[in-house]
Amino acid sequence: MKTKRIVLLLAASCLLGVFSVAAQEPDVAPPPPPEGMPGGPIGPRMEILGFGELHPGKVVTGAPYSAVAVTEDKQTLADGNVIDRKIQSNVYRDSQGRTRRETTFTGVGAFAPAGQTRSLVTIHDPVASAAYLLHTDTKVAEQLPIPTGGPRNGANVQTRMETRLQQEIADGTVKKEDLGMQTINGITAQGTRYTRVIPAGQIGNANPITVVNEQWYSPDLQLMVKIVRSDPRVGQVTYTLTNIQRTEPAASLFTVPSDYTVKQGTLRGHARRGPGGPPPSSADATPAPPGD
C-alpha cells in the first residue's frame, strides 16, 4: 500500500505540474495538509516529492540553473522494519523560464516493477506556451493541453493556498516559525517551519500527533532548495536540491528531440491509463517539427 500510494502521488504530481502553462516554482510556501490526511492536497505533496519546478505559480526568468533533486521517503514500521526509498531527478531552468525534469524510477511498484527502470522527462516552455511528456523508451513526445485559465489559474491556486495558510496561522491551527537564513548546498535560503498538532481523539488517536513541515526557500533562485516533512503516520520525506549550477543550460534541453514523434496528449487519456501505462500507438503520432 505504501509503494502504491507513493507511485500514484508521484505520477499525479508530475502530470498535474506539466499540464499547467504556468508550471513553475512557488513564491509562497505551501501550507501543511489538513488534519487526518497523511499526504494532504496535491499542491504541497508535489513539492515534497520533488516536482517543485513544475508547481503552478509564476514564470521565473533571468535565474537559470541546473541541479540534481533527491527525494527520500523513509518509514519505520511497527515491527522495527525500515522502508527507505530515494528518487533522483536532473532539473533545469533557463533564463527564459523554460524548465525540464528527468526522473528515473527503479523498482517503484507498478510504475517500474522490481528489476526494471523507467524514465520520465517533462518539459515546460512558457515562451511557446507548450508542455511535453517525453517517453524515452518509445521516443514519443506527448504535447499536453494547456488548462483553461493558463498562468492566471496557477496564480489563483497559489493565492488560495496562501490565504488558507494565513487563516490557520491566525486561528492557531498551524504554528509558523522563522528559522532565519542558512546556506544550503551553496545557496542562501530562508527557512520556515510549519507545525500542526492533531489533538488526541480527533481522528481516533490516543495521543496528539505532531506534523512538521520545514522549508528552505531561495529568494535568488525563487524556489525551494530543501523540504523536510515529518509525520509519524507515514514517516519522513526529504527533498533536497544538490549539485546546483548557476550557468545557462543548453537550449536543446527544452525542445523535443528531432528523432521523436509528437502526439497530442489528453488529460482523460492519462487518467485512464496513467503515466506508466502503454505508450501511444505510432499510428496516432506525428513527426516532430524540424529543428525541435
Protein backbone atom coordinates (compact mmCIF):
# COMPACT_ATOMS: atom_id res chain seq x y z
CA MET A 1 0.00 0.00 0.00
CA LYS A 2 2.80 2.41 0.82
CA THR A 3 4.52 1.78 -2.52
CA LYS A 4 1.29 2.13 -4.46
CA ARG A 5 0.44 5.42 -2.72
CA ILE A 6 3.86 6.92 -3.42
CA VAL A 7 3.75 5.85 -7.08
CA LEU A 8 0.30 7.33 -7.62
CA LEU A 9 1.24 10.60 -5.93
CA LEU A 10 4.45 10.88 -7.92
CA ALA A 11 2.69 10.27 -11.21
CA ALA A 12 -0.18 12.61 -10.41
CA SER A 13 2.17 15.31 -9.15
CA CYS A 14 4.28 15.27 -12.28
CA LEU A 15 1.33 15.23 -14.65
CA LEU A 16 -0.57 17.95 -12.82
CA GLY A 17 2.54 20.08 -12.99
CA VAL A 18 3.20 19.85 -16.72
CA PHE A 19 -0.48 20.31 -17.55
CA SER A 20 -0.19 23.89 -16.31
CA VAL A 21 1.30 26.51 -18.63
CA ALA A 22 2.25 28.41 -15.52
CA ALA A 23 4.08 25.42 -14.10
CA GLN A 24 6.94 26.99 -12.17
CA GLU A 25 8.39 27.38 -8.72
CA PRO A 26 6.11 28.71 -5.97
CA ASP A 27 7.00 32.04 -4.41
CA VAL A 28 4.89 31.28 -1.35
CA ALA A 29 5.39 28.33 1.00
CA PRO A 30 2.51 25.82 0.72
CA PRO A 31 0.56 25.03 3.87
CA PRO A 32 0.71 21.74 5.76
CA PRO A 33 -2.03 19.26 4.86
CA PRO A 34 -5.33 19.25 6.73
CA GLU A 35 -5.88 17.04 9.76
CA GLY A 36 -6.49 13.37 9.08
CA MET A 37 -4.93 13.44 5.61
CA PRO A 38 -1.43 11.91 5.54
CA GLY A 39 -0.47 13.44 2.22
CA GLY A 40 -2.70 16.46 2.15
CA PRO A 41 -3.62 18.24 -1.09
CA ILE A 42 -1.61 17.60 -4.26
CA GLY A 43 -0.01 21.06 -4.16
CA PRO A 44 2.21 20.56 -1.09
CA ARG A 45 2.79 16.90 -1.96
CA MET A 46 4.07 17.87 -5.41
CA GLU A 47 6.74 19.96 -3.75
CA ILE A 48 7.79 17.33 -1.27
CA LEU A 49 8.01 14.68 -3.99
CA GLY A 50 10.42 16.74 -5.98
CA PHE A 51 8.25 18.41 -8.58
CA GLY A 52 8.78 21.94 -7.32
CA GLU A 53 9.95 23.11 -10.72
CA LEU A 54 6.52 22.18 -12.10
CA HIS A 55 4.37 23.58 -9.32
CA PRO A 56 1.74 26.12 -10.50
CA GLY A 57 2.97 29.67 -9.96
CA LYS A 58 4.75 32.50 -11.72
CA VAL A 59 7.25 32.06 -14.55
CA VAL A 60 10.76 32.80 -13.26
CA THR A 61 13.09 34.41 -15.78
CA GLY A 62 16.70 35.58 -15.53
CA ALA A 63 17.65 32.93 -12.95
CA PRO A 64 19.00 29.90 -14.85
CA TYR A 65 20.24 26.83 -13.04
CA SER A 66 20.67 23.08 -13.20
CA ALA A 67 20.68 20.69 -10.26
CA VAL A 68 20.08 17.18 -9.03
CA ALA A 69 16.91 16.84 -6.96
CA VAL A 70 16.91 13.98 -4.45
CA THR A 71 13.71 12.82 -2.77
CA GLU A 72 13.98 10.32 0.09
CA ASP A 73 10.95 8.65 1.64
CA LYS A 74 11.76 6.88 4.90
CA GLN A 75 9.30 4.98 7.06
CA THR A 76 9.81 2.88 10.19
CA LEU A 77 7.23 0.12 10.61
CA ALA A 78 5.71 -1.04 13.88
CA ASP A 79 7.90 -4.14 13.91
CA GLY A 80 11.06 -2.05 13.57
CA ASN A 81 11.49 -2.73 9.86
CA VAL A 82 12.56 0.29 7.78
CA ILE A 83 11.46 1.23 4.26
CA ASP A 84 13.84 3.73 2.65
CA ARG A 85 13.38 4.87 -0.97
CA LYS A 86 15.27 7.50 -2.96
CA ILE A 87 14.30 9.05 -6.28
CA GLN A 88 16.73 11.28 -8.16
CA SER A 89 15.97 13.80 -10.88
CA ASN A 90 18.03 16.12 -13.06
CA VAL A 91 16.33 19.52 -13.20
CA TYR A 92 16.99 22.53 -15.42
CA ARG A 93 15.69 26.07 -15.94
CA ASP A 94 16.94 28.59 -18.48
CA SER A 95 16.86 32.40 -18.49
CA GLN A 96 13.54 32.39 -20.36
CA GLY A 97 11.84 30.39 -17.63
CA ARG A 98 11.70 27.09 -19.53
CA THR A 99 12.07 24.00 -17.32
CA ARG A 100 12.98 20.34 -17.76
CA ARG A 101 12.94 17.43 -15.31
CA GLU A 102 14.43 13.98 -15.96
CA THR A 103 13.41 11.35 -13.42
CA THR A 104 14.41 7.69 -13.41
CA PHE A 105 12.33 5.23 -11.41
CA THR A 106 13.85 1.87 -10.47
CA GLY A 107 11.74 -0.80 -8.78
CA VAL A 108 8.97 1.61 -7.68
CA GLY A 109 5.82 -0.50 -7.62
CA ALA A 110 3.65 -0.63 -10.74
CA PHE A 111 5.38 2.40 -12.24
CA ALA A 112 8.69 0.50 -12.54
CA PRO A 113 8.45 -3.06 -11.17
CA ALA A 114 11.36 -4.67 -9.34
CA GLY A 115 14.39 -5.01 -11.57
CA GLN A 116 13.01 -2.57 -14.13
CA THR A 117 13.82 1.07 -14.81
CA ARG A 118 11.58 3.69 -16.38
CA SER A 119 12.46 7.28 -17.25
CA LEU A 120 10.07 10.21 -17.24
CA VAL A 121 11.02 13.52 -18.86
CA THR A 122 8.86 16.63 -18.66
CA ILE A 123 9.42 19.92 -20.48
CA HIS A 124 7.55 23.15 -19.86
CA ASP A 125 8.08 26.03 -22.30
CA PRO A 126 6.17 29.20 -21.26
CA VAL A 127 7.67 31.03 -24.26
CA ALA A 128 5.89 28.72 -26.70
CA SER A 129 3.01 28.01 -24.27
CA ALA A 130 3.76 24.30 -24.58
CA ALA A 131 4.32 21.33 -22.29
CA TYR A 132 5.59 17.89 -23.21
CA LEU A 133 5.85 14.46 -21.62
CA LEU A 134 8.68 12.50 -23.29
CA HIS A 135 8.51 8.71 -23.43
CA THR A 136 12.18 7.83 -23.74
CA ASP A 137 11.55 4.14 -24.38
CA THR A 138 9.34 4.72 -27.45
CA LYS A 139 10.69 8.15 -28.47
CA VAL A 140 7.21 9.65 -28.41
CA ALA A 141 6.52 13.17 -27.10
CA GLU A 142 3.05 13.90 -25.81
CA GLN A 143 2.15 17.57 -26.22
CA LEU A 144 -0.09 18.26 -23.26
CA PRO A 145 -3.13 20.54 -23.38
CA ILE A 146 -2.98 23.89 -21.63
CA PRO A 147 -5.68 24.17 -18.93
CA THR A 148 -8.29 26.89 -19.19
CA GLY A 149 -7.07 29.98 -17.37
CA GLY A 150 -3.35 29.50 -18.06
CA PRO A 151 -0.96 31.36 -15.74
CA ARG A 152 -3.81 33.13 -14.01
CA ASN A 153 -5.30 29.80 -12.96
CA GLY A 154 -1.99 28.74 -11.36
CA ALA A 155 -1.72 32.08 -9.56
CA ASN A 156 -5.27 31.70 -8.19
CA VAL A 157 -4.42 28.28 -6.76
CA GLN A 158 -1.34 29.70 -5.05
CA THR A 159 -3.34 32.63 -3.67
CA ARG A 160 -5.97 30.32 -2.18
CA MET A 161 -3.26 28.18 -0.57
CA GLU A 162 -1.61 31.24 0.96
CA THR A 163 -4.93 32.58 2.22
CA ARG A 164 -5.80 29.27 3.88
CA LEU A 165 -2.37 29.09 5.49
CA GLN A 166 -2.64 32.60 6.92
CA GLN A 167 -6.07 31.79 8.34
CA GLU A 168 -4.77 28.62 10.00
CA ILE A 169 -1.82 30.52 11.49
CA ALA A 170 -4.16 33.23 12.78
CA ASP A 171 -6.53 30.79 14.48
CA GLY A 172 -3.67 28.77 15.96
CA THR A 173 -4.25 25.61 13.93
CA VAL A 174 -0.76 25.95 12.46
CA LYS A 175 2.31 27.39 14.19
CA LYS A 176 4.79 29.25 11.97
CA GLU A 177 8.45 29.74 12.93
CA ASP A 178 11.10 31.80 11.17
CA LEU A 179 14.34 29.78 11.02
CA GLY A 180 16.43 32.59 9.57
CA MET A 181 18.86 32.40 6.67
CA GLN A 182 21.10 29.41 6.02
CA THR A 183 23.42 28.29 3.22
CA ILE A 184 22.24 25.00 1.72
CA ASN A 185 24.43 23.42 -0.95
CA GLY A 186 25.96 26.81 -1.72
CA ILE A 187 22.63 28.65 -1.95
CA THR A 188 21.35 31.14 0.65
CA ALA A 189 17.85 30.17 1.72
CA GLN A 190 15.19 31.42 4.13
CA GLY A 191 13.89 28.73 6.49
CA THR A 192 10.33 28.40 7.74
CA ARG A 193 8.83 25.69 9.92
CA TYR A 194 5.11 24.90 10.00
CA THR A 195 3.83 22.73 12.85
CA ARG A 196 0.37 21.25 13.14
CA VAL A 197 -0.79 19.27 16.18
CA ILE A 198 -3.74 16.92 15.75
CA PRO A 199 -5.40 16.76 19.18
CA ALA A 200 -5.95 13.42 20.88
CA GLY A 201 -9.18 11.80 19.74
CA GLN A 202 -9.66 13.94 16.64
CA ILE A 203 -9.02 11.08 14.23
CA GLY A 204 -9.21 8.26 16.77
CA ASN A 205 -5.66 8.89 18.00
CA ALA A 206 -4.92 8.14 21.68
CA ASN A 207 -2.27 10.90 21.88
CA PRO A 208 -1.65 14.15 20.00
CA ILE A 209 0.06 13.82 16.60
CA THR A 210 2.59 16.44 15.54
CA VAL A 211 3.19 17.06 11.83
CA VAL A 212 6.15 19.28 10.92
CA ASN A 213 6.89 20.80 7.50
CA GLU A 214 10.26 22.59 7.26
CA GLN A 215 11.02 24.52 4.08
CA TRP A 216 14.08 26.39 2.81
CA TYR A 217 13.34 28.91 0.07
CA SER A 218 15.95 30.70 -2.07
CA PRO A 219 14.87 34.30 -2.87
CA ASP A 220 17.61 34.43 -5.53
CA LEU A 221 16.56 31.31 -7.43
CA GLN A 222 12.91 31.72 -6.36
CA LEU A 223 12.44 28.06 -5.48
CA MET A 224 12.60 25.60 -2.61
CA VAL A 225 16.08 24.12 -2.15
CA LYS A 226 15.12 21.81 0.71
CA ILE A 227 11.94 20.49 2.32
CA VAL A 228 11.63 18.08 5.23
CA ARG A 229 8.20 16.76 6.09
CA SER A 230 7.80 14.62 9.22
CA ASP A 231 4.55 12.85 10.02
CA PRO A 232 4.56 9.88 12.45
CA ARG A 233 1.70 8.31 10.47
CA VAL A 234 3.70 7.99 7.24
CA GLY A 235 7.33 8.69 8.15
CA GLN A 236 9.68 11.37 6.85
CA VAL A 237 10.09 12.69 3.31
CA THR A 238 13.07 14.89 2.42
CA TYR A 239 13.50 16.83 -0.82
CA THR A 240 16.90 18.44 -1.48
CA LEU A 241 18.44 20.25 -4.44
CA THR A 242 22.10 19.24 -4.82
CA ASN A 243 24.91 19.97 -7.31
CA ILE A 244 23.36 23.35 -8.08
CA GLN A 245 24.96 25.12 -11.06
CA ARG A 246 24.07 28.72 -11.93
CA THR A 247 25.13 28.54 -15.59
CA GLU A 248 22.77 28.61 -18.58
CA PRO A 249 21.63 25.08 -19.56
CA ALA A 250 21.84 24.01 -23.21
CA ALA A 251 18.88 25.25 -25.27
CA SER A 252 18.37 21.77 -26.73
CA LEU A 253 17.19 20.50 -23.33
CA PHE A 254 13.94 22.44 -23.69
CA THR A 255 12.92 21.20 -27.14
CA VAL A 256 11.59 17.89 -28.42
CA PRO A 257 14.44 15.85 -29.99
CA SER A 258 14.26 15.57 -33.77
CA ASP A 259 14.04 11.77 -33.67
CA TYR A 260 10.87 11.84 -31.52
CA THR A 261 7.33 11.81 -32.85
CA VAL A 262 4.78 14.20 -31.35
CA LYS A 263 1.33 13.11 -30.24
CA GLN A 264 -1.41 15.33 -28.84
CA GLY A 265 -1.96 14.16 -25.27
CA THR A 266 -5.15 14.48 -23.24
CA LEU A 267 -5.92 14.63 -19.55
CA ARG A 268 -8.51 11.90 -19.98
CA GLY A 269 -6.01 9.61 -21.61
CA HIS A 270 -3.64 9.84 -18.64
CA ALA A 271 -6.47 9.42 -16.17
CA ARG A 272 -7.46 6.21 -17.92
CA ARG A 273 -4.11 4.51 -18.40
CA GLY A 274 -1.81 6.54 -16.13
CA PRO A 275 1.70 7.73 -16.99
CA GLY A 276 3.05 4.21 -16.59
CA GLY A 277 0.50 2.66 -18.95
CA PRO A 278 1.08 1.54 -22.53
CA PRO A 279 2.61 4.21 -24.79
CA PRO A 280 0.53 5.81 -27.56
CA SER A 281 0.42 3.91 -30.82
CA SER A 282 2.66 5.04 -33.66
CA ALA A 283 -0.43 5.48 -35.84
CA ASP A 284 -1.55 8.36 -33.64
CA ALA A 285 1.83 10.08 -33.64
CA THR A 286 3.16 12.74 -36.00
CA PRO A 287 6.81 13.54 -36.75
CA ALA A 288 8.45 16.20 -34.61
CA PRO A 289 8.85 19.54 -36.38
CA PRO A 290 12.33 20.06 -37.91
CA GLY A 291 14.76 21.70 -35.52
CA ASP A 292 12.79 20.86 -32.36
